[in-house]
Amino acid sequence: MSNQLGKRYQCEVCGTLTLCTKAGSGVIHCCDKEMAIQEPRRLPSSD
């Protein structure tokens, strides 16, 4: 899996957040584990 430009990654162990500023074929690691891509935040409804 390659890292994706503009996506945020979060470490499941220590909670570190990383923003990818340059896409590539590598994988982002923290605490000897692969970092998980963070899902987009939901916006509140405008009702």
PDB file of N, CA and C in Angstrom:
ATOM      1  N   MET A   1       0.847  -1.180   0.000  1.00  0.00           N
ATOM      2  CA  MET A   1       0.000   0.000   0.000  1.00  0.00           C
ATOM      3  C   MET A   1       0.891   1.241   0.000  1.00  0.00           C
ATOM      4  N   SER A   2       0.594   2.198  -0.828  1.00  0.00           N
ATOM      5  CA  SER A   2       1.388   3.417  -0.877  1.00  0.00           C
ATOM      6  C   SER A   2       0.713   4.511  -0.059  1.00  0.00           C
ATOM      7  N   ASN A   3       1.516   5.468   0.389  1.00  0.00           N
ATOM      8  CA  ASN A   3       0.932   6.589   1.117  1.00  0.00           C
ATOM      9  C   ASN A   3       0.288   7.553   0.121  1.00  0.00           C
ATOM     10  N   GLN A   4      -0.778   8.220   0.545  1.00  0.00           N
ATOM     11  CA  GLN A   4      -1.575   9.049  -0.346  1.00  0.00           C
ATOM     12  C   GLN A   4      -1.453  10.519   0.031  1.00  0.00           C
ATOM     13  N   LEU A   5      -1.213  11.349  -0.959  1.00  0.00           N
ATOM     14  CA  LEU A   5      -1.048  12.785  -0.770  1.00  0.00           C
ATOM     15  C   LEU A   5      -2.304  13.406  -0.160  1.00  0.00           C
ATOM     16  N   GLY A   6      -2.126  14.192   0.890  1.00  0.00           N
ATOM     17  CA  GLY A   6      -3.225  14.903   1.522  1.00  0.00           C
ATOM     18  C   GLY A   6      -4.004  14.102   2.544  1.00  0.00           C
ATOM     19  N   LYS A   7      -3.661  12.852   2.744  1.00  0.00           N
ATOM     20  CA  LYS A   7      -4.370  12.006   3.713  1.00  0.00           C
ATOM     21  C   LYS A   7      -3.683  12.075   5.061  1.00  0.00           C
ATOM     22  N   ARG A   8      -4.472  11.893   6.113  1.00  0.00           N
ATOM     23  CA  ARG A   8      -3.946  11.878   7.474  1.00  0.00           C
ATOM     24  C   ARG A   8      -3.843  10.438   7.958  1.00  0.00           C
ATOM     25  N   TYR A   9      -2.763  10.158   8.659  1.00  0.00           N
ATOM     26  CA  TYR A   9      -2.517   8.830   9.209  1.00  0.00           C
ATOM     27  C   TYR A   9      -2.387   8.951  10.710  1.00  0.00           C
ATOM     28  N   GLN A  10      -2.872   7.929  11.454  1.00  0.00           N
ATOM     29  CA  GLN A  10      -2.814   7.962  12.904  1.00  0.00           C
ATOM     30  C   GLN A  10      -2.228   6.663  13.429  1.00  0.00           C
ATOM     31  N   CYS A  11      -1.338   6.802  14.407  1.00  0.00           N
ATOM     32  CA  CYS A  11      -0.744   5.639  15.077  1.00  0.00           C
ATOM     33  C   CYS A  11      -1.751   5.099  16.089  1.00  0.00           C
ATOM     34  N   GLU A  12      -2.017   3.805  16.025  1.00  0.00           N
ATOM     35  CA  GLU A  12      -2.978   3.191  16.940  1.00  0.00           C
ATOM     36  C   GLU A  12      -2.395   2.970  18.328  1.00  0.00           C
ATOM     37  N   VAL A  13      -1.062   3.052  18.454  1.00  0.00           N
ATOM     38  CA  VAL A  13      -0.405   2.822  19.741  1.00  0.00           C
ATOM     39  C   VAL A  13      -0.298   4.120  20.549  1.00  0.00           C
ATOM     40  N   CYS A  14       0.326   5.155  19.952  1.00  0.00           N
ATOM     41  CA  CYS A  14       0.580   6.388  20.702  1.00  0.00           C
ATOM     42  C   CYS A  14      -0.327   7.555  20.297  1.00  0.00           C
ATOM     43  N   GLY A  15      -1.076   7.417  19.189  1.00  0.00           N
ATOM     44  CA  GLY A  15      -2.018   8.456  18.786  1.00  0.00           C
ATOM     45  C   GLY A  15      -1.422   9.568  17.942  1.00  0.00           C
ATOM     46  N   THR A  16      -0.176   9.439  17.518  1.00  0.00           N
ATOM     47  CA  THR A  16       0.460  10.455  16.691  1.00  0.00           C
ATOM     48  C   THR A  16      -0.280  10.605  15.360  1.00  0.00           C
ATOM     49  N   LEU A  17      -0.524  11.859  14.944  1.00  0.00           N
ATOM     50  CA  LEU A  17      -1.161  12.141  13.669  1.00  0.00           C
ATOM     51  C   LEU A  17      -0.123  12.648  12.683  1.00  0.00           C
ATOM     52  N   THR A  18      -0.210  12.197  11.428  1.00  0.00           N
ATOM     53  CA  THR A  18       0.723  12.591  10.385  1.00  0.00           C
ATOM     54  C   THR A  18      -0.057  12.967   9.137  1.00  0.00           C
ATOM     55  N   LEU A  19       0.320  14.080   8.509  1.00  0.00           N
ATOM     56  CA  LEU A  19      -0.269  14.496   7.249  1.00  0.00           C
ATOM     57  C   LEU A  19       0.719  14.198   6.143  1.00  0.00           C
ATOM     58  N   CYS A  20       0.300  13.494   5.112  1.00  0.00           N
ATOM     59  CA  CYS A  20       1.173  13.121   4.005  1.00  0.00           C
ATOM     60  C   CYS A  20       1.291  14.301   3.047  1.00  0.00           C
ATOM     61  N   THR A  21       2.498  14.810   2.877  1.00  0.00           N
ATOM     62  CA  THR A  21       2.739  15.957   1.996  1.00  0.00           C
ATOM     63  C   THR A  21       3.427  15.571   0.701  1.00  0.00           C
ATOM     64  N   LYS A  22       3.840  14.302   0.580  1.00  0.00           N
ATOM     65  CA  LYS A  22       4.469  13.824  -0.647  1.00  0.00           C
ATOM     66  C   LYS A  22       4.127  12.352  -0.818  1.00  0.00           C
ATOM     67  N   ALA A  23       3.387  12.036  -1.876  1.00  0.00           N
ATOM     68  CA  ALA A  23       2.969  10.659  -2.117  1.00  0.00           C
ATOM     69  C   ALA A  23       4.155   9.812  -2.535  1.00  0.00           C
ATOM     70  N   GLY A  24       4.069   8.521  -2.282  1.00  0.00           N
ATOM     71  CA  GLY A  24       5.145   7.623  -2.654  1.00  0.00           C
ATOM     72  C   GLY A  24       4.741   6.186  -2.488  1.00  0.00           C
ATOM     73  N   SER A  25       5.675   5.295  -2.763  1.00  0.00           N
ATOM     74  CA  SER A  25       5.372   3.872  -2.690  1.00  0.00           C
ATOM     75  C   SER A  25       5.664   3.285  -1.314  1.00  0.00           C
ATOM     76  N   GLY A  26       6.174   4.075  -0.403  1.00  0.00           N
ATOM     77  CA  GLY A  26       6.497   3.584   0.931  1.00  0.00           C
ATOM     78  C   GLY A  26       5.287   3.532   1.837  1.00  0.00           C
ATOM     79  N   VAL A  27       5.508   3.065   3.063  1.00  0.00           N
ATOM     80  CA  VAL A  27       4.458   2.964   4.058  1.00  0.00           C
ATOM     81  C   VAL A  27       4.912   3.728   5.296  1.00  0.00           C
ATOM     82  N   ILE A  28       4.006   4.452   5.928  1.00  0.00           N
ATOM     83  CA  ILE A  28       4.339   5.240   7.117  1.00  0.00           C
ATOM     84  C   ILE A  28       4.259   4.337   8.344  1.00  0.00           C
ATOM     85  N   HIS A  29       5.337   4.340   9.165  1.00  0.00           N
ATOM     86  CA  HIS A  29       5.404   3.512  10.365  1.00  0.00           C
ATOM     87  C   HIS A  29       5.601   4.383  11.598  1.00  0.00           C
ATOM     88  N   CYS A  30       5.054   3.930  12.718  1.00  0.00           N
ATOM     89  CA  CYS A  30       5.261   4.556  14.020  1.00  0.00           C
ATOM     90  C   CYS A  30       5.121   3.438  15.062  1.00  0.00           C
ATOM     91  N   CYS A  31       5.941   3.452  16.076  1.00  0.00           N
ATOM     92  CA  CYS A  31       5.915   2.425  17.135  1.00  0.00           C
ATOM     93  C   CYS A  31       6.012   1.020  16.538  1.00  0.00           C
ATOM     94  N   ASP A  32       6.826   0.860  15.490  1.00  0.00           N
ATOM     95  CA  ASP A  32       7.057  -0.415  14.812  1.00  0.00           C
ATOM     96  C   ASP A  32       5.795  -1.029  14.211  1.00  0.00           C
ATOM     97  N   LYS A  33       4.774  -0.202  13.929  1.00  0.00           N
ATOM     98  CA  LYS A  33       3.547  -0.660  13.281  1.00  0.00           C
ATOM     99  C   LYS A  33       3.199   0.293  12.148  1.00  0.00           C
ATOM    100  N   GLU A  34       2.487  -0.233  11.150  1.00  0.00           N
ATOM    101  CA  GLU A  34       2.028   0.593  10.039  1.00  0.00           C
ATOM    102  C   GLU A  34       0.910   1.515  10.530  1.00  0.00           C
ATOM    103  N   MET A  35       0.989   2.795  10.154  1.00  0.00           N
ATOM    104  CA  MET A  35      -0.033   3.749  10.578  1.00  0.00           C
ATOM    105  C   MET A  35      -1.290   3.584   9.729  1.00  0.00           C
ATOM    106  N   ALA A  36      -2.452   3.718  10.356  1.00  0.00           N
ATOM    107  CA  ALA A  36      -3.739   3.559   9.678  1.00  0.00           C
ATOM    108  C   ALA A  36      -4.201   4.897   9.122  1.00  0.00           C
ATOM    109  N   ILE A  37      -4.818   4.849   7.941  1.00  0.00           N
ATOM    110  CA  ILE A  37      -5.354   6.068   7.347  1.00  0.00           C
ATOM    111  C   ILE A  37      -6.567   6.513   8.154  1.00  0.00           C
ATOM    112  N   GLN A  38      -6.664   7.810   8.429  1.00  0.00           N
ATOM    113  CA  GLN A  38      -7.739   8.342   9.241  1.00  0.00           C
ATOM    114  C   GLN A  38      -8.936   8.663   8.345  1.00  0.00           C
ATOM    115  N   GLU A  39     -10.105   8.260   8.773  1.00  0.00           N
ATOM    116  CA  GLU A  39     -11.326   8.519   8.016  1.00  0.00           C
ATOM    117  C   GLU A  39     -11.678  10.008   8.075  1.00  0.00           C
ATOM    118  N   PRO A  40     -12.310  10.540   7.024  1.00  0.00           N
ATOM    119  CA  PRO A  40     -12.728  11.955   7.045  1.00  0.00           C
ATOM    120  C   PRO A  40     -13.719  12.229   8.155  1.00  0.00           C
ATOM    121  N   ARG A  41     -13.647  13.413   8.701  1.00  0.00           N
ATOM    122  CA  ARG A  41     -14.563  13.800   9.769  1.00  0.00           C
ATOM    123  C   ARG A  41     -15.909  14.193   9.166  1.00  0.00           C
ATOM    124  N   ARG A  42     -16.964  13.832   9.830  1.00  0.00           N
ATOM    125  CA  ARG A  42     -18.305  14.194   9.365  1.00  0.00           C
ATOM    126  C   ARG A  42     -18.616  15.618   9.783  1.00  0.00           C
ATOM    127  N   LEU A  43     -19.217  16.354   8.887  1.00  0.00           N
ATOM    128  CA  LEU A  43     -19.632  17.716   9.190  1.00  0.00           C
ATOM    129  C   LEU A  43     -21.003  17.704   9.835  1.00  0.00           C
ATOM    130  N   PRO A  44     -21.271  18.636  10.750  1.00  0.00           N
ATOM    131  CA  PRO A  44     -22.612  18.689  11.348  1.00  0.00           C
ATOM    132  C   PRO A  44     -23.642  19.110  10.314  1.00  0.00           C
ATOM    133  N   SER A  45     -24.842  18.652  10.489  1.00  0.00           N
ATOM    134  CA  SER A  45     -25.888  19.016   9.529  1.00  0.00           C
ATOM    135  C   SER A  45     -26.224  20.501   9.664  1.00  0.00           C
ATOM    136  N   SER A  46     -26.703  21.077   8.599  1.00  0.00           N
ATOM    137  CA  SER A  46     -26.986  22.527   8.596  1.00  0.00           C
ATOM    138  C   SER A  46     -28.463  22.813   8.779  1.00  0.00           C
ATOM    139  N   ASP A  47     -29.170  21.910   9.448  1.00  0.00           N
ATOM    140  CA  ASP A  47     -30.609  22.097   9.666  1.00  0.00           C
ATOM    141  C   ASP A  47     -30.888  23.227  10.615  1.00  0.00           C
TER     142      ASP A  47
END
